[in-house]
Amino acid sequence: MADTQPEKPTPPPIKLGRVDSLRGARRAVRRVLNAILSGELEVKQGNAVVYGLSVMGRLLEVEVIEKRLDAIEGQLAAPALPRPGMKLLGRTLDG
């Protein structure tokens, strides 16, 4: 009886490096594109990897934006206390 399970896809023959930052995602996409252009990686396989890297890049980008937004919201929610050097009613507060 023949084995009816589909073959597992072969991983790309290139090292992508860490993809835990936008810089890492850009570097990995560049490596994949270079591998496609050099014939080291099939176009179909390269497209699938680039798509996955694009999704990962977008998730990383949203994470950065979310952190920045949280920081801004935290600043807006905190009461504004007068600090030395701050202008209040046209006068600079002394320290």
Protein backbone atom coordinates (compact mmCIF):
# COMPACT_ATOMS: atom_id res chain seq x y z
CA MET A 1 0.00 0.00 0.00
CA ALA A 2 1.38 3.41 -0.99
CA ASP A 3 1.86 6.21 1.48
CA THR A 4 -0.90 8.78 0.80
CA GLN A 5 0.43 11.59 3.01
CA PRO A 6 1.53 14.65 1.07
CA GLU A 7 5.22 15.50 1.11
CA LYS A 8 6.33 18.16 3.53
CA PRO A 9 7.53 21.29 1.76
CA THR A 10 11.28 21.66 1.58
CA PRO A 11 12.53 24.61 3.61
CA PRO A 12 14.22 27.36 1.63
CA PRO A 13 17.94 26.69 1.09
CA ILE A 14 18.86 30.11 2.44
CA LYS A 15 19.42 31.48 5.92
CA LEU A 16 16.90 34.19 6.72
CA GLY A 17 18.36 35.25 10.05
CA ARG A 18 16.27 36.58 12.92
CA VAL A 19 12.96 38.15 11.92
CA ASP A 20 12.08 39.76 15.23
CA SER A 21 12.38 43.37 14.08
CA LEU A 22 11.50 45.43 11.03
CA ARG A 23 15.19 45.54 10.12
CA GLY A 24 15.38 41.73 10.35
CA ALA A 25 12.27 41.35 8.18
CA ARG A 26 13.68 43.70 5.52
CA ARG A 27 16.99 41.82 5.56
CA ALA A 28 15.21 38.47 5.16
CA VAL A 29 13.10 39.74 2.24
CA ARG A 30 16.27 41.03 0.56
CA ARG A 31 17.93 37.60 1.00
CA VAL A 32 14.92 35.81 -0.47
CA LEU A 33 14.71 38.16 -3.46
CA ASN A 34 18.44 37.74 -4.12
CA ALA A 35 18.05 33.95 -3.89
CA ILE A 36 15.20 34.06 -6.44
CA LEU A 37 17.20 36.27 -8.80
CA SER A 38 20.26 34.01 -8.56
CA GLY A 39 18.18 30.86 -9.21
CA GLU A 40 18.96 29.46 -5.76
CA LEU A 41 15.26 29.51 -4.85
CA GLU A 42 12.21 28.77 -6.99
CA VAL A 43 9.92 31.73 -7.61
CA LYS A 44 6.86 29.96 -6.17
CA GLN A 45 8.65 29.06 -2.97
CA GLY A 46 10.22 32.52 -2.73
CA ASN A 47 6.82 34.18 -3.14
CA ALA A 48 5.43 32.13 -0.26
CA VAL A 49 8.35 33.07 1.99
CA VAL A 50 8.14 36.76 1.05
CA TYR A 51 4.40 36.74 1.76
CA GLY A 52 5.02 35.28 5.21
CA LEU A 53 7.76 37.82 5.86
CA SER A 54 5.42 40.62 4.75
CA VAL A 55 2.80 39.48 7.24
CA MET A 56 5.44 39.28 9.97
CA GLY A 57 6.72 42.75 9.07
CA ARG A 58 3.23 44.18 9.28
CA LEU A 59 2.71 42.58 12.71
CA LEU A 60 6.00 44.05 13.92
CA GLU A 61 5.05 47.46 12.54
CA VAL A 62 1.67 47.36 14.32
CA GLU A 63 3.44 46.39 17.56
CA VAL A 64 5.72 49.45 17.33
CA ILE A 65 2.77 51.74 16.60
CA GLU A 66 0.79 50.21 19.47
CA LYS A 67 3.63 50.85 21.95
CA ARG A 68 3.97 54.44 20.80
CA LEU A 69 0.22 55.00 21.05
CA ASP A 70 0.17 53.51 24.57
CA ALA A 71 2.95 55.92 25.61
CA ILE A 72 1.09 58.92 24.16
CA GLU A 73 -2.16 57.87 25.83
CA GLY A 74 -0.28 57.46 29.13
CA GLN A 75 1.08 60.99 28.84
CA LEU A 76 -2.34 62.40 28.05
CA ALA A 77 -3.94 60.60 30.98
CA ALA A 78 -1.32 61.77 33.51
CA PRO A 79 -2.08 65.05 35.24
CA ALA A 80 0.15 67.86 34.03
CA LEU A 81 2.15 69.03 37.01
CA PRO A 82 4.06 72.30 36.82
CA ARG A 83 7.81 71.72 36.48
CA PRO A 84 10.70 74.15 36.86
CA GLY A 85 11.25 76.01 33.60
CA MET A 86 7.64 75.49 32.52
CA LYS A 87 5.66 78.53 31.51
CA LEU A 88 2.46 79.01 33.42
CA LEU A 89 0.19 81.97 32.72
CA GLY A 90 2.98 83.67 30.82
CA ARG A 91 5.51 83.29 33.65
CA THR A 92 8.38 80.81 33.85
CA LEU A 93 8.40 78.77 37.05
CA ASP A 94 11.65 78.86 39.02
CA GLY A 95 13.31 75.65 40.22
